Protein backbone atom coordinates (compact mmCIF):
# COMPACT_ATOMS: atom_id res chain seq x y z
CA UNK A 1 -244.13 -26.99 -127.93
CA UNK A 2 -245.09 -27.24 -131.54
CA UNK A 3 -248.74 -26.33 -132.65
CA UNK A 4 -250.33 -28.39 -135.45
CA UNK A 5 -250.14 -25.46 -138.09
CA UNK A 6 -245.68 -25.16 -137.21
CA UNK A 7 -245.48 -28.40 -137.37
CA UNK A 8 -246.69 -28.91 -140.57
CA UNK A 9 -245.12 -25.81 -141.20
CA UNK A 10 -241.67 -27.30 -140.13
CA UNK A 11 -242.30 -31.00 -142.14
CA UNK A 12 -243.67 -28.55 -145.12
CA UNK A 13 -239.54 -26.86 -145.15
CA UNK A 14 -237.74 -29.71 -144.49
CA UNK A 15 -239.18 -31.88 -146.60
CA UNK A 16 -239.31 -29.03 -149.99
CA UNK A 17 -235.41 -28.39 -149.19
CA UNK A 18 -234.14 -31.75 -148.82
CA UNK A 19 -232.27 -32.72 -152.01
CA UNK A 20 -233.96 -36.12 -152.86
CA UNK A 21 -237.02 -34.52 -153.10
CA UNK A 22 -235.84 -31.64 -156.09
CA UNK A 23 -238.76 -30.79 -158.48
CA UNK A 24 -242.21 -31.29 -156.01
CA UNK A 25 -243.52 -27.83 -154.39
CA UNK A 26 -246.63 -29.88 -153.03
CA UNK A 27 -246.69 -31.41 -149.85
CA UNK A 28 -249.64 -33.37 -148.82
CA UNK A 29 -250.65 -34.53 -144.92
CA UNK A 30 -252.14 -38.09 -145.65
CA UNK A 31 -252.40 -38.63 -141.77
CA UNK A 32 -251.48 -36.18 -138.73
CA UNK A 33 -251.11 -37.86 -134.34
CA UNK A 34 -250.47 -35.89 -131.90
CA UNK A 35 -250.11 -37.58 -128.14
CA UNK A 36 -248.89 -35.22 -125.60
CA UNK A 37 -245.79 -32.56 -126.53
CA UNK A 38 -244.79 -35.45 -130.13
CA UNK A 39 -246.22 -35.78 -132.96
CA UNK A 40 -246.84 -38.13 -136.28
CA UNK A 41 -247.33 -37.67 -139.86
CA UNK A 42 -247.18 -39.41 -142.88
CA UNK A 43 -247.22 -37.15 -145.41
CA UNK A 44 -247.32 -37.62 -149.84
CA UNK A 45 -245.77 -34.96 -152.40
CA UNK A 46 -246.32 -34.00 -155.46
CA UNK A 47 -244.89 -31.67 -157.94
CA UNK A 48 -246.61 -28.31 -160.33
CA UNK A 49 -247.37 -30.47 -162.84
CA UNK A 50 -250.03 -32.94 -159.77
CA UNK A 51 -247.41 -36.11 -160.46
CA UNK A 52 -247.13 -37.02 -157.17
CA UNK A 53 -244.27 -39.25 -156.44
CA UNK A 54 -242.88 -42.35 -154.83
CA UNK A 55 -242.07 -41.08 -151.28
CA UNK A 56 -244.25 -42.52 -148.42
CA UNK A 57 -242.11 -39.50 -145.78
CA UNK A 58 -243.62 -40.73 -142.35
CA UNK A 59 -241.87 -37.09 -139.78
CA UNK A 60 -241.74 -37.73 -136.48
CA UNK A 61 -241.20 -34.66 -133.84
CA UNK A 62 -240.26 -35.40 -130.83
CA UNK A 63 -241.28 -32.22 -127.96
CA UNK A 64 -238.74 -33.38 -125.42
CA UNK A 65 -235.96 -32.75 -127.67
CA UNK A 66 -236.75 -30.80 -129.63
CA UNK A 67 -236.21 -32.80 -132.66
CA UNK A 68 -237.91 -34.07 -135.80
CA UNK A 69 -237.35 -37.07 -137.92
CA UNK A 70 -238.30 -37.64 -141.55
CA UNK A 71 -238.46 -41.52 -142.75
CA UNK A 72 -238.08 -41.66 -146.15
CA UNK A 73 -240.00 -45.30 -148.09
CA UNK A 74 -240.80 -46.18 -151.18
CA UNK A 75 -243.54 -48.45 -152.84
CA UNK A 76 -242.16 -50.98 -154.44
CA UNK A 77 -245.10 -52.59 -155.63
CA UNK A 78 -248.87 -53.43 -155.41
CA UNK A 79 -250.63 -56.22 -155.04
CA UNK A 80 -254.45 -56.57 -155.69
CA UNK A 81 -256.54 -59.49 -154.89
CA UNK A 82 -259.85 -60.22 -154.97
CA UNK A 83 -262.67 -60.61 -152.32
CA UNK A 84 -265.48 -62.30 -154.43
């Protein structure tokens, strides 16, 4: 079973070695949850110049199958609503 540190290290290794994220040097966890032997985390990427990637990455570790799944999402738009 993976520890939280091992999960974070595994996610960082797999993301930074993926050809879609060339040029980014930091994986930043935004949210993390562990349930029994499974992990789920949401991550963003940053480069050496503090540029944040348009990718939002969801990482899921399935402890039953010892598998890691990475889903890459992009931010298409942002809407702001005034609540006055």
